[in-house]
């Protein structure tokens, strides 16, 4: 069974940066797409960024374009989310997700088969 483990969350002041990591427990696991979602208290889970694994194309929510970057290290079977110029409204639990096909829409959580446990990101004003 594949496990996804997020790390890199923490507390940062507005304008600061964090880099989140998502590592797959099985080195032979090759997803079709990887995504990052976030969920703030009292809100629904929200799409943040996605990566098409075969070609490396990336997609971003409008709220994070120009500030966040999703990337991968195939040798380490790890996906990253570099977050710059963080804002208080970025505060949420961030989840890594993996999809096993290209069916569905990448902004929908139900298009991903595997999920990590989440890592807390808190941005102070």
PDB file of N, CA and C in Angstrom:
ATOM      1  N   UNK A   1       0.841  -1.171   0.000  1.00  0.00           N
ATOM      2  CA  UNK A   1       0.000   0.000   0.000  1.00  0.00           C
ATOM      3  C   UNK A   1       0.892   1.241   0.000  1.00  0.00           C
ATOM      4  N   UNK A   2       0.555   2.221  -0.818  1.00  0.00           N
ATOM      5  CA  UNK A   2       1.341   3.435  -0.943  1.00  0.00           C
ATOM      6  C   UNK A   2       0.950   4.417   0.150  1.00  0.00           C
ATOM      7  N   UNK A   3       1.963   4.999   0.771  1.00  0.00           N
ATOM      8  CA  UNK A   3       1.755   6.074   1.731  1.00  0.00           C
ATOM      9  C   UNK A   3       2.454   7.333   1.244  1.00  0.00           C
ATOM     10  N   UNK A   4       1.798   8.464   1.400  1.00  0.00           N
ATOM     11  CA  UNK A   4       2.374   9.757   1.098  1.00  0.00           C
ATOM     12  C   UNK A   4       2.614  10.492   2.410  1.00  0.00           C
ATOM     13  N   UNK A   5       3.804  11.038   2.573  1.00  0.00           N
ATOM     14  CA  UNK A   5       4.180  11.700   3.809  1.00  0.00           C
ATOM     15  C   UNK A   5       4.612  13.123   3.509  1.00  0.00           C
ATOM     16  N   UNK A   6       3.877  14.092   4.056  1.00  0.00           N
ATOM     17  CA  UNK A   6       4.213  15.498   3.889  1.00  0.00           C
ATOM     18  C   UNK A   6       5.127  15.955   5.015  1.00  0.00           C
ATOM     19  N   UNK A   7       5.952  16.946   4.708  1.00  0.00           N
ATOM     20  CA  UNK A   7       6.795  17.569   5.710  1.00  0.00           C
ATOM     21  C   UNK A   7       7.114  18.989   5.265  1.00  0.00           C
ATOM     22  N   UNK A   8       7.646  19.783   6.174  1.00  0.00           N
ATOM     23  CA  UNK A   8       8.086  21.123   5.846  1.00  0.00           C
ATOM     24  C   UNK A   8       7.175  22.234   6.310  1.00  0.00           C
ATOM     25  N   UNK A   9       6.035  21.902   6.883  1.00  0.00           N
ATOM     26  CA  UNK A   9       5.142  22.922   7.388  1.00  0.00           C
ATOM     27  C   UNK A   9       5.710  23.589   8.624  1.00  0.00           C
ATOM     28  N   UNK A  10       5.065  24.668   9.025  1.00  0.00           N
ATOM     29  CA  UNK A  10       5.513  25.385  10.199  1.00  0.00           C
ATOM     30  C   UNK A  10       4.900  26.754  10.293  1.00  0.00           C
ATOM     31  N   UNK A  11       5.492  27.573  11.138  1.00  0.00           N
ATOM     32  CA  UNK A  11       5.034  28.939  11.372  1.00  0.00           C
ATOM     33  C   UNK A  11       5.976  29.912  10.691  1.00  0.00           C
ATOM     34  N   UNK A  12       5.412  30.839   9.940  1.00  0.00           N
ATOM     35  CA  UNK A  12       6.216  31.827   9.236  1.00  0.00           C
ATOM     36  C   UNK A  12       5.462  33.157   9.215  1.00  0.00           C
ATOM     37  N   UNK A  13       6.196  34.249   9.189  1.00  0.00           N
ATOM     38  CA  UNK A  13       5.576  35.557   9.090  1.00  0.00           C
ATOM     39  C   UNK A  13       5.182  35.858   7.649  1.00  0.00           C
ATOM     40  N   UNK A  14       4.203  36.732   7.495  1.00  0.00           N
ATOM     41  CA  UNK A  14       3.778  37.152   6.166  1.00  0.00           C
ATOM     42  C   UNK A  14       4.969  37.660   5.364  1.00  0.00           C
ATOM     43  N   UNK A  15       5.030  37.232   4.101  1.00  0.00           N
ATOM     44  CA  UNK A  15       6.144  37.580   3.237  1.00  0.00           C
ATOM     45  C   UNK A  15       7.260  36.559   3.239  1.00  0.00           C
ATOM     46  N   UNK A  16       7.212  35.618   4.154  1.00  0.00           N
ATOM     47  CA  UNK A  16       8.227  34.591   4.241  1.00  0.00           C
ATOM     48  C   UNK A  16       7.971  33.432   3.299  1.00  0.00           C
ATOM     49  N   UNK A  17       8.823  32.412   3.402  1.00  0.00           N
ATOM     50  CA  UNK A  17       8.767  31.271   2.499  1.00  0.00           C
ATOM     51  C   UNK A  17       8.842  29.956   3.263  1.00  0.00           C
ATOM     52  N   UNK A  18       8.243  28.929   2.684  1.00  0.00           N
ATOM     53  CA  UNK A  18       8.350  27.564   3.159  1.00  0.00           C
ATOM     54  C   UNK A  18       8.407  26.638   1.958  1.00  0.00           C
ATOM     55  N   UNK A  19       9.026  25.487   2.135  1.00  0.00           N
ATOM     56  CA  UNK A  19       8.998  24.458   1.110  1.00  0.00           C
ATOM     57  C   UNK A  19       8.446  23.178   1.707  1.00  0.00           C
ATOM     58  N   UNK A  20       7.349  22.709   1.148  1.00  0.00           N
ATOM     59  CA  UNK A  20       6.741  21.463   1.569  1.00  0.00           C
ATOM     60  C   UNK A  20       7.260  20.319   0.708  1.00  0.00           C
ATOM     61  N   UNK A  21       7.396  19.147   1.319  1.00  0.00           N
ATOM     62  CA  UNK A  21       7.836  17.956   0.617  1.00  0.00           C
ATOM     63  C   UNK A  21       6.793  16.862   0.761  1.00  0.00           C
ATOM     64  N   UNK A  22       6.680  16.030  -0.254  1.00  0.00           N
ATOM     65  CA  UNK A  22       5.768  14.892  -0.240  1.00  0.00           C
ATOM     66  C   UNK A  22       6.517  13.696  -0.798  1.00  0.00           C
ATOM     67  N   UNK A  23       6.764  12.717   0.041  1.00  0.00           N
ATOM     68  CA  UNK A  23       7.516  11.535  -0.348  1.00  0.00           C
ATOM     69  C   UNK A  23       6.616  10.309  -0.362  1.00  0.00           C
ATOM     70  N   UNK A  24       6.740   9.500  -1.396  1.00  0.00           N
ATOM     71  CA  UNK A  24       6.000   8.247  -1.495  1.00  0.00           C
ATOM     72  C   UNK A  24       6.782   7.129  -0.832  1.00  0.00           C
ATOM     73  N   UNK A  25       6.085   6.295  -0.081  1.00  0.00           N
ATOM     74  CA  UNK A  25       6.753   5.224   0.656  1.00  0.00           C
ATOM     75  C   UNK A  25       7.243   4.107  -0.249  1.00  0.00           C
ATOM     76  N   UNK A  26       6.646   3.952  -1.408  1.00  0.00           N
ATOM     77  CA  UNK A  26       7.022   2.915  -2.352  1.00  0.00           C
ATOM     78  C   UNK A  26       7.770   3.545  -3.517  1.00  0.00           C
ATOM     79  N   UNK A  27       9.025   3.179  -3.685  1.00  0.00           N
ATOM     80  CA  UNK A  27       9.866   3.796  -4.704  1.00  0.00           C
ATOM     81  C   UNK A  27       9.405   3.471  -6.118  1.00  0.00           C
ATOM     82  N   UNK A  28       8.685   2.378  -6.304  1.00  0.00           N
ATOM     83  CA  UNK A  28       8.214   2.003  -7.633  1.00  0.00           C
ATOM     84  C   UNK A  28       6.867   2.629  -7.987  1.00  0.00           C
ATOM     85  N   UNK A  29       6.292   3.395  -7.085  1.00  0.00           N
ATOM     86  CA  UNK A  29       5.012   4.043  -7.335  1.00  0.00           C
ATOM     87  C   UNK A  29       5.200   5.185  -8.324  1.00  0.00           C
ATOM     88  N   UNK A  30       4.482   5.137  -9.445  1.00  0.00           N
ATOM     89  CA  UNK A  30       4.580   6.158 -10.486  1.00  0.00           C
ATOM     90  C   UNK A  30       3.186   6.706 -10.754  1.00  0.00           C
ATOM     91  N   UNK A  31       2.825   7.806 -10.133  1.00  0.00           N
ATOM     92  CA  UNK A  31       1.504   8.389 -10.360  1.00  0.00           C
ATOM     93  C   UNK A  31       1.438   9.130 -11.692  1.00  0.00           C
ATOM     94  N   UNK A  32       0.235   9.286 -12.222  1.00  0.00           N
ATOM     95  CA  UNK A  32       0.046  10.083 -13.424  1.00  0.00           C
ATOM     96  C   UNK A  32       0.110  11.578 -13.112  1.00  0.00           C
ATOM     97  N   UNK A  33      -0.392  11.961 -11.952  1.00  0.00           N
ATOM     98  CA  UNK A  33      -0.357  13.352 -11.544  1.00  0.00           C
ATOM     99  C   UNK A  33      -0.184  13.450 -10.040  1.00  0.00           C
ATOM    100  N   UNK A  34       0.416  14.543  -9.614  1.00  0.00           N
ATOM    101  CA  UNK A  34       0.556  14.860  -8.204  1.00  0.00           C
ATOM    102  C   UNK A  34      -0.086  16.212  -7.952  1.00  0.00           C
ATOM    103  N   UNK A  35      -0.695  16.358  -6.801  1.00  0.00           N
ATOM    104  CA  UNK A  35      -1.351  17.609  -6.480  1.00  0.00           C
ATOM    105  C   UNK A  35      -1.148  18.019  -5.037  1.00  0.00           C
ATOM    106  N   UNK A  36      -1.341  19.298  -4.807  1.00  0.00           N
ATOM    107  CA  UNK A  36      -1.369  19.851  -3.461  1.00  0.00           C
ATOM    108  C   UNK A  36      -2.723  20.509  -3.238  1.00  0.00           C
ATOM    109  N   UNK A  37      -3.327  20.215  -2.113  1.00  0.00           N
ATOM    110  CA  UNK A  37      -4.573  20.836  -1.685  1.00  0.00           C
ATOM    111  C   UNK A  37      -4.375  21.409  -0.294  1.00  0.00           C
ATOM    112  N   UNK A  38      -5.279  22.287   0.107  1.00  0.00           N
ATOM    113  CA  UNK A  38      -5.218  22.828   1.456  1.00  0.00           C
ATOM    114  C   UNK A  38      -6.622  22.984   2.005  1.00  0.00           C
ATOM    115  N   UNK A  39      -6.714  22.960   3.323  1.00  0.00           N
ATOM    116  CA  UNK A  39      -7.996  23.104   3.984  1.00  0.00           C
ATOM    117  C   UNK A  39      -7.826  23.952   5.236  1.00  0.00           C
ATOM    118  N   UNK A  40      -8.488  25.087   5.244  1.00  0.00           N
ATOM    119  CA  UNK A  40      -8.490  25.975   6.398  1.00  0.00           C
ATOM    120  C   UNK A  40      -9.682  25.644   7.287  1.00  0.00           C
ATOM    121  N   UNK A  41      -9.627  26.013   8.560  1.00  0.00           N
ATOM    122  CA  UNK A  41     -10.746  25.723   9.463  1.00  0.00           C
ATOM    123  C   UNK A  41     -12.063  26.284   8.937  1.00  0.00           C
ATOM    124  N   UNK A  42     -13.090  25.446   8.914  1.00  0.00           N
ATOM    125  CA  UNK A  42     -14.400  25.865   8.473  1.00  0.00           C
ATOM    126  C   UNK A  42     -14.579  25.983   6.976  1.00  0.00           C
ATOM    127  N   UNK A  43     -13.580  25.595   6.193  1.00  0.00           N
ATOM    128  CA  UNK A  43     -13.654  25.698   4.740  1.00  0.00           C
ATOM    129  C   UNK A  43     -13.469  24.330   4.096  1.00  0.00           C
ATOM    130  N   UNK A  44     -13.910  24.223   2.846  1.00  0.00           N
ATOM    131  CA  UNK A  44     -13.734  22.991   2.101  1.00  0.00           C
ATOM    132  C   UNK A  44     -12.302  22.868   1.601  1.00  0.00           C
ATOM    133  N   UNK A  45     -11.920  21.641   1.287  1.00  0.00           N
ATOM    134  CA  UNK A  45     -10.600  21.403   0.743  1.00  0.00           C
ATOM    135  C   UNK A  45     -10.458  22.108  -0.601  1.00  0.00           C
ATOM    136  N   UNK A  46      -9.347  22.809  -0.792  1.00  0.00           N
ATOM    137  CA  UNK A  46      -9.139  23.699  -1.918  1.00  0.00           C
ATOM    138  C   UNK A  46      -7.923  23.275  -2.731  1.00  0.00           C
ATOM    139  N   UNK A  47      -8.071  23.256  -4.049  1.00  0.00           N
ATOM    140  CA  UNK A  47      -6.961  22.964  -4.940  1.00  0.00           C
ATOM    141  C   UNK A  47      -5.907  24.061  -4.864  1.00  0.00           C
ATOM    142  N   UNK A  48      -4.639  23.663  -4.855  1.00  0.00           N
ATOM    143  CA  UNK A  48      -3.530  24.601  -4.816  1.00  0.00           C
ATOM    144  C   UNK A  48      -2.671  24.495  -6.072  1.00  0.00           C
ATOM    145  N   UNK A  49      -2.178  23.296  -6.367  1.00  0.00           N
ATOM    146  CA  UNK A  49      -1.271  23.104  -7.497  1.00  0.00           C
ATOM    147  C   UNK A  49      -1.268  21.644  -7.914  1.00  0.00           C
ATOM    148  N   UNK A  50      -0.916  21.391  -9.167  1.00  0.00           N
ATOM    149  CA  UNK A  50      -0.825  20.026  -9.672  1.00  0.00           C
ATOM    150  C   UNK A  50       0.299  19.920 -10.687  1.00  0.00           C
ATOM    151  N   UNK A  51       0.799  18.708 -10.848  1.00  0.00           N
ATOM    152  CA  UNK A  51       1.881  18.424 -11.778  1.00  0.00           C
ATOM    153  C   UNK A  51       1.538  17.159 -12.549  1.00  0.00           C
ATOM    154  N   UNK A  52       1.674  17.224 -13.879  1.00  0.00           N
ATOM    155  CA  UNK A  52       1.498  16.051 -14.723  1.00  0.00           C
ATOM    156  C   UNK A  52       2.842  15.348 -14.801  1.00  0.00           C
ATOM    157  N   UNK A  53       2.928  14.172 -14.219  1.00  0.00           N
ATOM    158  CA  UNK A  53       4.208  13.531 -13.957  1.00  0.00           C
ATOM    159  C   UNK A  53       5.004  13.220 -15.214  1.00  0.00           C
ATOM    160  N   UNK A  54       4.343  12.803 -16.295  1.00  0.00           N
ATOM    161  CA  UNK A  54       5.058  12.349 -17.476  1.00  0.00           C
ATOM    162  C   UNK A  54       5.806  13.465 -18.192  1.00  0.00           C
ATOM    163  N   UNK A  55       5.249  14.661 -18.217  1.00  0.00           N
ATOM    164  CA  UNK A  55       5.855  15.755 -18.965  1.00  0.00           C
ATOM    165  C   UNK A  55       6.240  16.934 -18.083  1.00  0.00           C
ATOM    166  N   UNK A  56       5.790  16.950 -16.836  1.00  0.00           N
ATOM    167  CA  UNK A  56       6.158  18.002 -15.915  1.00  0.00           C
ATOM    168  C   UNK A  56       5.346  19.274 -16.025  1.00  0.00           C
ATOM    169  N   UNK A  57       4.252  19.263 -16.782  1.00  0.00           N
ATOM    170  CA  UNK A  57       3.388  20.439 -16.858  1.00  0.00           C
ATOM    171  C   UNK A  57       2.792  20.731 -15.486  1.00  0.00           C
ATOM    172  N   UNK A  58       2.650  22.005 -15.175  1.00  0.00           N
ATOM    173  CA  UNK A  58       2.151  22.412 -13.872  1.00  0.00           C
ATOM    174  C   UNK A  58       0.912  23.277 -14.000  1.00  0.00           C
ATOM    175  N   UNK A  59       0.103  23.261 -12.944  1.00  0.00           N
ATOM    176  CA  UNK A  59      -1.156  23.990 -12.906  1.00  0.00           C
ATOM    177  C   UNK A  59      -1.321  24.584 -11.516  1.00  0.00           C
ATOM    178  N   UNK A  60      -1.898  25.788 -11.441  1.00  0.00           N
ATOM    179  CA  UNK A  60      -2.001  26.485 -10.175  1.00  0.00           C
ATOM    180  C   UNK A  60      -3.360  27.143 -10.009  1.00  0.00           C
ATOM    181  N   UNK A  61      -3.804  27.200  -8.771  1.00  0.00           N
ATOM    182  CA  UNK A  61      -4.961  28.004  -8.444  1.00  0.00           C
ATOM    183  C   UNK A  61      -4.614  29.479  -8.618  1.00  0.00           C
ATOM    184  N   UNK A  62      -5.603  30.272  -9.007  1.00  0.00           N
ATOM    185  CA  UNK A  62      -5.357  31.694  -9.220  1.00  0.00           C
ATOM    186  C   UNK A  62      -4.801  32.374  -7.971  1.00  0.00           C
ATOM    187  N   UNK A  63      -5.212  31.907  -6.810  1.00  0.00           N
ATOM    188  CA  UNK A  63      -4.812  32.535  -5.564  1.00  0.00           C
ATOM    189  C   UNK A  63      -3.326  32.386  -5.252  1.00  0.00           C
ATOM    190  N   UNK A  64      -2.648  31.429  -5.903  1.00  0.00           N
ATOM    191  CA  UNK A  64      -1.240  31.186  -5.590  1.00  0.00           C
ATOM    192  C   UNK A  64      -0.318  31.387  -6.784  1.00  0.00           C
ATOM    193  N   UNK A  65      -0.850  31.690  -7.956  1.00  0.00           N
ATOM    194  CA  UNK A  65      -0.021  31.892  -9.139  1.00  0.00           C
ATOM    195  C   UNK A  65       0.993  33.005  -8.904  1.00  0.00           C
ATOM    196  N   UNK A  66       2.224  32.731  -9.303  1.00  0.00           N
ATOM    197  CA  UNK A  66       3.294  33.694  -9.119  1.00  0.00           C
ATOM    198  C   UNK A  66       3.961  33.627  -7.772  1.00  0.00           C
ATOM    199  N   UNK A  67       3.381  32.890  -6.830  1.00  0.00           N
ATOM    200  CA  UNK A  67       3.949  32.766  -5.493  1.00  0.00           C
ATOM    201  C   UNK A  67       4.387  31.344  -5.163  1.00  0.00           C
ATOM    202  N   UNK A  68       3.632  30.349  -5.631  1.00  0.00           N
ATOM    203  CA  UNK A  68       3.915  28.951  -5.328  1.00  0.00           C
ATOM    204  C   UNK A  68       4.449  28.248  -6.569  1.00  0.00           C
ATOM    205  N   UNK A  69       5.307  27.261  -6.358  1.00  0.00           N
ATOM    206  CA  UNK A  69       5.853  26.455  -7.444  1.00  0.00           C
ATOM    207  C   UNK A  69       5.848  24.990  -7.047  1.00  0.00           C
ATOM    208  N   UNK A  70       5.240  24.148  -7.881  1.00  0.00           N
ATOM    209  CA  UNK A  70       5.277  22.714  -7.661  1.00  0.00           C
ATOM    210  C   UNK A  70       6.385  22.118  -8.525  1.00  0.00           C
ATOM    211  N   UNK A  71       7.133  21.183  -7.978  1.00  0.00           N
ATOM    212  CA  UNK A  71       8.222  20.558  -8.703  1.00  0.00           C
ATOM    213  C   UNK A  71       8.402  19.126  -8.216  1.00  0.00           C
ATOM    214  N   UNK A  72       9.267  18.391  -8.869  1.00  0.00           N
ATOM    215  CA  UNK A  72       9.476  16.994  -8.512  1.00  0.00           C
ATOM    216  C   UNK A  72      10.936  16.603  -8.604  1.00  0.00           C
ATOM    217  N   UNK A  73      11.291  15.569  -7.864  1.00  0.00           N
ATOM    218  CA  UNK A  73      12.587  14.925  -7.947  1.00  0.00           C
ATOM    219  C   UNK A  73      12.294  13.451  -8.155  1.00  0.00           C
ATOM    220  N   UNK A  74      12.376  13.005  -9.405  1.00  0.00           N
ATOM    221  CA  UNK A  74      12.002  11.632  -9.736  1.00  0.00           C
ATOM    222  C   UNK A  74      12.881  10.608  -9.029  1.00  0.00           C
ATOM    223  N   UNK A  75      14.162  10.917  -8.879  1.00  0.00           N
ATOM    224  CA  UNK A  75      15.080   9.986  -8.237  1.00  0.00           C
ATOM    225  C   UNK A  75      14.688   9.723  -6.787  1.00  0.00           C
ATOM    226  N   UNK A  76      14.158  10.730  -6.123  1.00  0.00           N
ATOM    227  CA  UNK A  76      13.738  10.593  -4.731  1.00  0.00           C
ATOM    228  C   UNK A  76      12.259  10.273  -4.590  1.00  0.00           C
ATOM    229  N   UNK A  77      11.540  10.221  -5.721  1.00  0.00           N
ATOM    230  CA  UNK A  77      10.097   9.989  -5.710  1.00  0.00           C
ATOM    231  C   UNK A  77       9.409  10.984  -4.778  1.00  0.00           C
ATOM    232  N   UNK A  78       9.776  12.243  -4.931  1.00  0.00           N
ATOM    233  CA  UNK A  78       9.327  13.298  -4.042  1.00  0.00           C
ATOM    234  C   UNK A  78       8.818  14.487  -4.847  1.00  0.00           C
ATOM    235  N   UNK A  79       7.743  15.087  -4.368  1.00  0.00           N
ATOM    236  CA  UNK A  79       7.179  16.298  -4.953  1.00  0.00           C
ATOM    237  C   UNK A  79       7.289  17.420  -3.935  1.00  0.00           C
ATOM    238  N   UNK A  80       7.552  18.621  -4.419  1.00  0.00           N
ATOM    239  CA  UNK A  80       7.738  19.767  -3.553  1.00  0.00           C
ATOM    240  C   UNK A  80       6.731  20.863  -3.875  1.00  0.00           C
ATOM    241  N   UNK A  81       6.452  21.679  -2.887  1.00  0.00           N
ATOM    242  CA  UNK A  81       5.689  22.894  -3.081  1.00  0.00           C
ATOM    243  C   UNK A  81       6.470  24.033  -2.445  1.00  0.00           C
ATOM    244  N   UNK A  82       7.090  24.856  -3.285  1.00  0.00           N
ATOM    245  CA  UNK A  82       7.795  26.030  -2.811  1.00  0.00           C
ATOM    246  C   UNK A  82       6.800  27.168  -2.680  1.00  0.00           C
ATOM    247  N   UNK A  83       6.689  27.731  -1.497  1.00  0.00           N
ATOM    248  CA  UNK A  83       5.724  28.774  -1.216  1.00  0.00           C
ATOM    249  C   UNK A  83       6.467  30.045  -0.830  1.00  0.00           C
ATOM    250  N   UNK A  84       6.340  31.065  -1.661  1.00  0.00           N
ATOM    251  CA  UNK A  84       6.981  32.346  -1.420  1.00  0.00           C
ATOM    252  C   UNK A  84       5.933  33.428  -1.187  1.00  0.00           C
ATOM    253  N   UNK A  85       6.375  34.515  -0.582  1.00  0.00           N
ATOM    254  CA  UNK A  85       5.489  35.647  -0.305  1.00  0.00           C
ATOM    255  C   UNK A  85       4.195  35.180   0.353  1.00  0.00           C
ATOM    256  N   UNK A  86       4.337  34.413   1.405  1.00  0.00           N
ATOM    257  CA  UNK A  86       3.177  33.838   2.078  1.00  0.00           C
ATOM    258  C   UNK A  86       2.307  34.913   2.711  1.00  0.00           C
ATOM    259  N   UNK A  87       1.008  34.658   2.701  1.00  0.00           N
ATOM    260  CA  UNK A  87       0.017  35.559   3.251  1.00  0.00           C
ATOM    261  C   UNK A  87      -0.758  34.855   4.362  1.00  0.00           C
ATOM    262  N   UNK A  88      -1.334  35.609   5.299  1.00  0.00           N
ATOM    263  CA  UNK A  88      -2.131  34.968   6.349  1.00  0.00           C
ATOM    264  C   UNK A  88      -3.234  34.071   5.806  1.00  0.00           C
ATOM    265  N   UNK A  89      -3.813  34.415   4.672  1.00  0.00           N
ATOM    266  CA  UNK A  89      -4.866  33.600   4.088  1.00  0.00           C
ATOM    267  C   UNK A  89      -4.369  32.271   3.529  1.00  0.00           C
ATOM    268  N   UNK A  90      -3.053  32.072   3.491  1.00  0.00           N
ATOM    269  CA  UNK A  90      -2.487  30.783   3.106  1.00  0.00           C
ATOM    270  C   UNK A  90      -2.492  29.789   4.264  1.00  0.00           C
ATOM    271  N   UNK A  91      -2.822  30.238   5.452  1.00  0.00           N
ATOM    272  CA  UNK A  91      -2.845  29.368   6.618  1.00  0.00           C
ATOM    273  C   UNK A  91      -3.848  28.240   6.420  1.00  0.00           C
ATOM    274  N   UNK A  92      -3.381  27.007   6.548  1.00  0.00           N
ATOM    275  CA  UNK A  92      -4.221  25.832   6.327  1.00  0.00           C
ATOM    276  C   UNK A  92      -3.403  24.586   6.585  1.00  0.00           C
ATOM    277  N   UNK A  93      -4.085  23.454   6.598  1.00  0.00           N
ATOM    278  CA  UNK A  93      -3.401  22.177   6.522  1.00  0.00           C
ATOM    279  C   UNK A  93      -3.221  21.853   5.044  1.00  0.00           C
ATOM    280  N   UNK A  94      -2.009  21.539   4.653  1.00  0.00           N
ATOM    281  CA  UNK A  94      -1.692  21.242   3.267  1.00  0.00           C
ATOM    282  C   UNK A  94      -1.553  19.743   3.073  1.00  0.00           C
ATOM    283  N   UNK A  95      -2.218  19.230   2.049  1.00  0.00           N
ATOM    284  CA  UNK A  95      -2.244  17.807   1.761  1.00  0.00           C
ATOM    285  C   UNK A  95      -1.621  17.512   0.405  1.00  0.00           C
ATOM    286  N   UNK A  96      -0.805  16.494   0.358  1.00  0.00           N
ATOM    287  CA  UNK A  96      -0.270  15.960  -0.877  1.00  0.00           C
ATOM    288  C   UNK A  96      -1.199  14.869  -1.393  1.00  0.00           C
ATOM    289  N   UNK A  97      -1.387  14.795  -2.706  1.00  0.00           N
ATOM    290  CA  UNK A  97      -2.263  13.804  -3.298  1.00  0.00           C
ATOM    291  C   UNK A  97      -1.651  13.250  -4.577  1.00  0.00           C
ATOM    292  N   UNK A  98      -1.967  11.994  -4.875  1.00  0.00           N
ATOM    293  CA  UNK A  98      -1.480  11.330  -6.076  1.00  0.00           C
ATOM    294  C   UNK A  98      -2.642  10.732  -6.848  1.00  0.00           C
ATOM    295  N   UNK A  99      -2.652  10.944  -8.161  1.00  0.00           N
ATOM    296  CA  UNK A  99      -3.651  10.368  -9.035  1.00  0.00           C
ATOM    297  C   UNK A  99      -3.062   9.261  -9.876  1.00  0.00           C
ATOM    298  N   UNK A 100      -3.853   8.228 -10.136  1.00  0.00           N
ATOM    299  CA  UNK A 100      -3.366   7.065 -10.871  1.00  0.00           C
ATOM    300  C   UNK A 100      -3.859   7.032 -12.311  1.00  0.00           C
ATOM    301  N   UNK A 101      -4.588   8.050 -12.734  1.00  0.00           N
ATOM    302  CA  UNK A 101      -5.023   8.169 -14.113  1.00  0.00           C
ATOM    303  C   UNK A 101      -5.240   9.640 -14.428  1.00  0.00           C
ATOM    304  N   UNK A 102      -5.488   9.932 -15.698  1.00  0.00           N
ATOM    305  CA  UNK A 102      -5.769  11.307 -16.104  1.00  0.00           C
ATOM    306  C   UNK A 102      -7.263  11.585 -16.202  1.00  0.00           C
ATOM    307  N   UNK A 103      -8.074  10.661 -15.758  1.00  0.00           N
ATOM    308  CA  UNK A 103      -9.502  10.874 -15.748  1.00  0.00           C
ATOM    309  C   UNK A 103      -9.862  11.885 -14.670  1.00  0.00           C
ATOM    310  N   UNK A 104     -10.962  12.585 -14.900  1.00  0.00           N
ATOM    311  CA  UNK A 104     -11.380  13.584 -13.940  1.00  0.00           C
ATOM    312  C   UNK A 104     -10.640  14.899 -14.114  1.00  0.00           C
ATOM    313  N   UNK A 105     -11.019  15.873 -13.325  1.00  0.00           N
ATOM    314  CA  UNK A 105     -10.435  17.201 -13.356  1.00  0.00           C
ATOM    315  C   UNK A 105      -9.413  17.329 -12.229  1.00  0.00           C
ATOM    316  N   UNK A 106      -8.241  17.840 -12.539  1.00  0.00           N
ATOM    317  CA  UNK A 106      -7.165  17.907 -11.557  1.00  0.00           C
ATOM    318  C   UNK A 106      -7.457  18.825 -10.383  1.00  0.00           C
ATOM    319  N   UNK A 107      -8.450  19.697 -10.487  1.00  0.00           N
ATOM    320  CA  UNK A 107      -8.796  20.567  -9.370  1.00  0.00           C
ATOM    321  C   UNK A 107      -9.755  19.902  -8.385  1.00  0.00           C
ATOM    322  N   UNK A 108     -10.250  18.726  -8.717  1.00  0.00           N
ATOM    323  CA  UNK A 108     -11.208  18.032  -7.866  1.00  0.00           C
ATOM    324  C   UNK A 108     -10.495  17.016  -6.985  1.00  0.00           C
ATOM    325  N   UNK A 109     -10.749  17.034  -5.683  1.00  0.00           N
ATOM    326  CA  UNK A 109     -10.111  16.050  -4.794  1.00  0.00           C
ATOM    327  C   UNK A 109     -10.412  14.603  -5.167  1.00  0.00           C
ATOM    328  N   UNK A 110     -11.597  14.332  -5.716  1.00  0.00           N
ATOM    329  CA  UNK A 110     -11.943  12.955  -6.046  1.00  0.00           C
ATOM    330  C   UNK A 110     -11.215  12.433  -7.274  1.00  0.00           C
ATOM    331  N   UNK A 111     -10.362  13.240  -7.900  1.00  0.00           N
ATOM    332  CA  UNK A 111      -9.526  12.783  -9.002  1.00  0.00           C
ATOM    333  C   UNK A 111      -8.207  12.186  -8.518  1.00  0.00           C
ATOM    334  N   UNK A 112      -8.003  12.138  -7.223  1.00  0.00           N
ATOM    335  CA  UNK A 112      -6.761  11.634  -6.636  1.00  0.00           C
ATOM    336  C   UNK A 112      -7.053  10.440  -5.742  1.00  0.00           C
ATOM    337  N   UNK A 113      -6.253   9.397  -5.886  1.00  0.00           N
ATOM    338  CA  UNK A 113      -6.508   8.143  -5.192  1.00  0.00           C
ATOM    339  C   UNK A 113      -5.799   8.039  -3.841  1.00  0.00           C
ATOM    340  N   UNK A 114      -4.685   8.726  -3.690  1.00  0.00           N
ATOM    341  CA  UNK A 114      -3.884   8.619  -2.473  1.00  0.00           C
ATOM    342  C   UNK A 114      -3.658   9.988  -1.862  1.00  0.00           C
ATOM    343  N   UNK A 115      -3.686  10.034  -0.541  1.00  0.00           N
ATOM    344  CA  UNK A 115      -3.547  11.284   0.198  1.00  0.00           C
ATOM    345  C   UNK A 115      -2.607  11.130   1.380  1.00  0.00           C
ATOM    346  N   UNK A 116      -1.848  12.185   1.644  1.00  0.00           N
ATOM    347  CA  UNK A 116      -1.046  12.221   2.847  1.00  0.00           C
ATOM    348  C   UNK A 116      -1.864  12.668   4.043  1.00  0.00           C
ATOM    349  N   UNK A 117      -1.225  12.708   5.204  1.00  0.00           N
ATOM    350  CA  UNK A 117      -1.902  13.080   6.440  1.00  0.00           C
ATOM    351  C   UNK A 117      -1.995  14.584   6.644  1.00  0.00           C
ATOM    352  N   UNK A 118      -1.251  15.346   5.877  1.00  0.00           N
ATOM    353  CA  UNK A 118      -1.303  16.788   5.971  1.00  0.00           C
ATOM    354  C   UNK A 118      -0.198  17.369   6.830  1.00  0.00           C
ATOM    355  N   UNK A 119       0.171  18.599   6.531  1.00  0.00           N
ATOM    356  CA  UNK A 119       1.145  19.335   7.320  1.00  0.00           C
ATOM    357  C   UNK A 119       0.628  20.754   7.510  1.00  0.00           C
ATOM    358  N   UNK A 120       0.731  21.257   8.728  1.00  0.00           N
ATOM    359  CA  UNK A 120       0.167  22.557   9.071  1.00  0.00           C
ATOM    360  C   UNK A 120       1.081  23.685   8.621  1.00  0.00           C
ATOM    361  N   UNK A 121       0.504  24.661   7.934  1.00  0.00           N
ATOM    362  CA  UNK A 121       1.195  25.893   7.574  1.00  0.00           C
ATOM    363  C   UNK A 121       0.448  27.045   8.226  1.00  0.00           C
ATOM    364  N   UNK A 122       1.149  27.823   9.024  1.00  0.00           N
ATOM    365  CA  UNK A 122       0.554  28.966   9.695  1.00  0.00           C
ATOM    366  C   UNK A 122       1.345  30.215   9.344  1.00  0.00           C
ATOM    367  N   UNK A 123       0.659  31.215   8.808  1.00  0.00           N
ATOM    368  CA  UNK A 123       1.285  32.463   8.398  1.00  0.00           C
ATOM    369  C   UNK A 123       0.740  33.569   9.289  1.00  0.00           C
ATOM    370  N   UNK A 124       1.608  34.191  10.042  1.00  0.00           N
ATOM    371  CA  UNK A 124       1.207  35.255  10.944  1.00  0.00           C
ATOM    372  C   UNK A 124       1.298  36.602  10.244  1.00  0.00           C
ATOM    373  N   UNK A 125       0.498  37.549  10.718  1.00  0.00           N
ATOM    374  CA  UNK A 125       0.493  38.888  10.142  1.00  0.00           C
ATOM    375  C   UNK A 125       1.476  39.806  10.844  1.00  0.00           C
TER     376      UNK A 125
END
